[in-house]
């Protein structure tokens, strides 16, 4: 069953979406990464993220690497997670 991770990130400055797209592209070829990752703007200094993994087990296997990416984002651009929600996908259209 697919597993969804949804986060909200606060940024100290307005988001540079070109830089964000470059960062997201790096994940595309990363083994174990989510099947789908979508980043969206909430406001100029806040973005949301939806990541869909093939299973909760795959997320758990990738979690250590994900946390390293997140720490790097915090160090590099000052973005911090405001909220995180995780769960099994129960319905989809």
C-alpha atoms as a PDB file:
ATOM      1  CA  UNK A   1       0.000   0.000   0.000  1.00  0.00           C
ATOM      2  CA  UNK A   2       1.352   3.446  -0.928  1.00  0.00           C
ATOM      3  CA  UNK A   3       2.587   5.771   1.811  1.00  0.00           C
ATOM      4  CA  UNK A   4       2.186   9.562   1.745  1.00  0.00           C
ATOM      5  CA  UNK A   5       4.399  12.129   3.467  1.00  0.00           C
ATOM      6  CA  UNK A   6       3.097  15.694   3.490  1.00  0.00           C
ATOM      7  CA  UNK A   7       5.184  18.548   4.888  1.00  0.00           C
ATOM      8  CA  UNK A   8       4.908  22.315   5.196  1.00  0.00           C
ATOM      9  CA  UNK A   9       8.148  24.309   5.133  1.00  0.00           C
ATOM     10  CA  UNK A  10       8.779  27.877   6.310  1.00  0.00           C
ATOM     11  CA  UNK A  11      11.539  29.835   4.575  1.00  0.00           C
ATOM     12  CA  UNK A  12      13.284  32.936   5.985  1.00  0.00           C
ATOM     13  CA  UNK A  13      13.194  34.608   2.550  1.00  0.00           C
ATOM     14  CA  UNK A  14      11.015  34.409  -0.538  1.00  0.00           C
ATOM     15  CA  UNK A  15      11.367  31.037  -2.214  1.00  0.00           C
ATOM     16  CA  UNK A  16      13.672  30.813  -5.232  1.00  0.00           C
ATOM     17  CA  UNK A  17      11.675  28.311  -7.290  1.00  0.00           C
ATOM     18  CA  UNK A  18      14.467  27.841  -9.843  1.00  0.00           C
ATOM     19  CA  UNK A  19      16.767  26.700  -7.044  1.00  0.00           C
ATOM     20  CA  UNK A  20      13.987  24.530  -5.614  1.00  0.00           C
ATOM     21  CA  UNK A  21      13.432  22.847  -8.993  1.00  0.00           C
ATOM     22  CA  UNK A  22      17.155  22.069  -9.233  1.00  0.00           C
ATOM     23  CA  UNK A  23      17.056  20.469  -5.790  1.00  0.00           C
ATOM     24  CA  UNK A  24      14.012  18.425  -6.707  1.00  0.00           C
ATOM     25  CA  UNK A  25      15.658  17.209  -9.927  1.00  0.00           C
ATOM     26  CA  UNK A  26      18.514  15.730  -7.864  1.00  0.00           C
ATOM     27  CA  UNK A  27      15.998  13.467  -6.119  1.00  0.00           C
ATOM     28  CA  UNK A  28      14.682  12.077  -9.404  1.00  0.00           C
ATOM     29  CA  UNK A  29      17.583   9.658  -9.850  1.00  0.00           C
ATOM     30  CA  UNK A  30      18.099   8.951  -6.156  1.00  0.00           C
ATOM     31  CA  UNK A  31      17.542   5.272  -5.449  1.00  0.00           C
ATOM     32  CA  UNK A  32      14.840   4.724  -2.868  1.00  0.00           C
ATOM     33  CA  UNK A  33      13.324   8.182  -3.242  1.00  0.00           C
ATOM     34  CA  UNK A  34       9.580   8.654  -3.409  1.00  0.00           C
ATOM     35  CA  UNK A  35       7.778   7.647  -6.599  1.00  0.00           C
ATOM     36  CA  UNK A  36       6.240  11.102  -6.862  1.00  0.00           C
ATOM     37  CA  UNK A  37       7.245  14.365  -5.208  1.00  0.00           C
ATOM     38  CA  UNK A  38       5.293  17.573  -5.634  1.00  0.00           C
ATOM     39  CA  UNK A  39       6.238  20.928  -4.156  1.00  0.00           C
ATOM     40  CA  UNK A  40       3.730  23.751  -4.157  1.00  0.00           C
ATOM     41  CA  UNK A  41       3.622  27.362  -3.039  1.00  0.00           C
ATOM     42  CA  UNK A  42       1.449  28.257  -0.056  1.00  0.00           C
ATOM     43  CA  UNK A  43       2.739  31.823   0.057  1.00  0.00           C
ATOM     44  CA  UNK A  44       6.034  33.486  -1.018  1.00  0.00           C
ATOM     45  CA  UNK A  45       7.856  32.164   2.093  1.00  0.00           C
ATOM     46  CA  UNK A  46       6.059  28.845   2.626  1.00  0.00           C
ATOM     47  CA  UNK A  47       5.869  25.729   0.514  1.00  0.00           C
ATOM     48  CA  UNK A  48       4.180  22.385   0.840  1.00  0.00           C
ATOM     49  CA  UNK A  49       5.472  19.000  -0.200  1.00  0.00           C
ATOM     50  CA  UNK A  50       3.666  15.782  -1.034  1.00  0.00           C
ATOM     51  CA  UNK A  51       5.790  12.659  -1.456  1.00  0.00           C
ATOM     52  CA  UNK A  52       4.330   9.285  -2.370  1.00  0.00           C
ATOM     53  CA  UNK A  53       6.317   6.128  -1.642  1.00  0.00           C
ATOM     54  CA  UNK A  54       5.466   2.672  -2.959  1.00  0.00           C
ATOM     55  CA  UNK A  55       5.071   1.462   0.646  1.00  0.00           C
ATOM     56  CA  UNK A  56       5.674   2.446   4.259  1.00  0.00           C
ATOM     57  CA  UNK A  57       8.639   0.072   4.274  1.00  0.00           C
ATOM     58  CA  UNK A  58      10.245   1.950   1.365  1.00  0.00           C
ATOM     59  CA  UNK A  59       9.772   5.223   3.255  1.00  0.00           C
ATOM     60  CA  UNK A  60      11.373   3.745   6.380  1.00  0.00           C
ATOM     61  CA  UNK A  61      14.329   2.485   4.308  1.00  0.00           C
ATOM     62  CA  UNK A  62      14.802   5.939   2.758  1.00  0.00           C
ATOM     63  CA  UNK A  63      14.086   7.979   5.900  1.00  0.00           C
ATOM     64  CA  UNK A  64      17.710   8.361   7.051  1.00  0.00           C
ATOM     65  CA  UNK A  65      18.739   9.730   3.666  1.00  0.00           C
ATOM     66  CA  UNK A  66      15.665  11.988   3.585  1.00  0.00           C
ATOM     67  CA  UNK A  67      16.543  13.430   6.988  1.00  0.00           C
ATOM     68  CA  UNK A  68      20.054  14.216   5.724  1.00  0.00           C
ATOM     69  CA  UNK A  69      18.542  16.069   2.731  1.00  0.00           C
ATOM     70  CA  UNK A  70      16.259  17.973   5.075  1.00  0.00           C
ATOM     71  CA  UNK A  71      19.162  18.952   7.367  1.00  0.00           C
ATOM     72  CA  UNK A  72      21.063  20.181   4.319  1.00  0.00           C
ATOM     73  CA  UNK A  73      18.070  22.284   3.235  1.00  0.00           C
ATOM     74  CA  UNK A  74      17.911  23.841   6.686  1.00  0.00           C
ATOM     75  CA  UNK A  75      21.633  24.594   6.654  1.00  0.00           C
ATOM     76  CA  UNK A  76      21.702  25.796   3.046  1.00  0.00           C
ATOM     77  CA  UNK A  77      18.616  28.010   2.765  1.00  0.00           C
ATOM     78  CA  UNK A  78      17.283  28.205   6.312  1.00  0.00           C
ATOM     79  CA  UNK A  79      14.031  26.385   5.530  1.00  0.00           C
ATOM     80  CA  UNK A  80      12.448  24.516   8.431  1.00  0.00           C
ATOM     81  CA  UNK A  81       9.588  22.038   8.642  1.00  0.00           C
ATOM     82  CA  UNK A  82       6.509  23.536  10.269  1.00  0.00           C
ATOM     83  CA  UNK A  83       4.295  20.448   9.961  1.00  0.00           C
ATOM     84  CA  UNK A  84       4.631  16.861   8.844  1.00  0.00           C
ATOM     85  CA  UNK A  85       1.831  14.375   8.256  1.00  0.00           C
ATOM     86  CA  UNK A  86       2.316  10.741   7.203  1.00  0.00           C
ATOM     87  CA  UNK A  87       0.001   7.873   6.464  1.00  0.00           C
ATOM     88  CA  UNK A  88      -1.103   5.016   4.273  1.00  0.00           C
ATOM     89  CA  UNK A  89      -2.972   5.976   1.134  1.00  0.00           C
ATOM     90  CA  UNK A  90      -6.519   4.680   1.584  1.00  0.00           C
ATOM     91  CA  UNK A  91      -8.284   6.086  -1.489  1.00  0.00           C
ATOM     92  CA  UNK A  92      -7.163   7.572  -4.800  1.00  0.00           C
ATOM     93  CA  UNK A  93      -8.829   8.671  -8.031  1.00  0.00           C
END
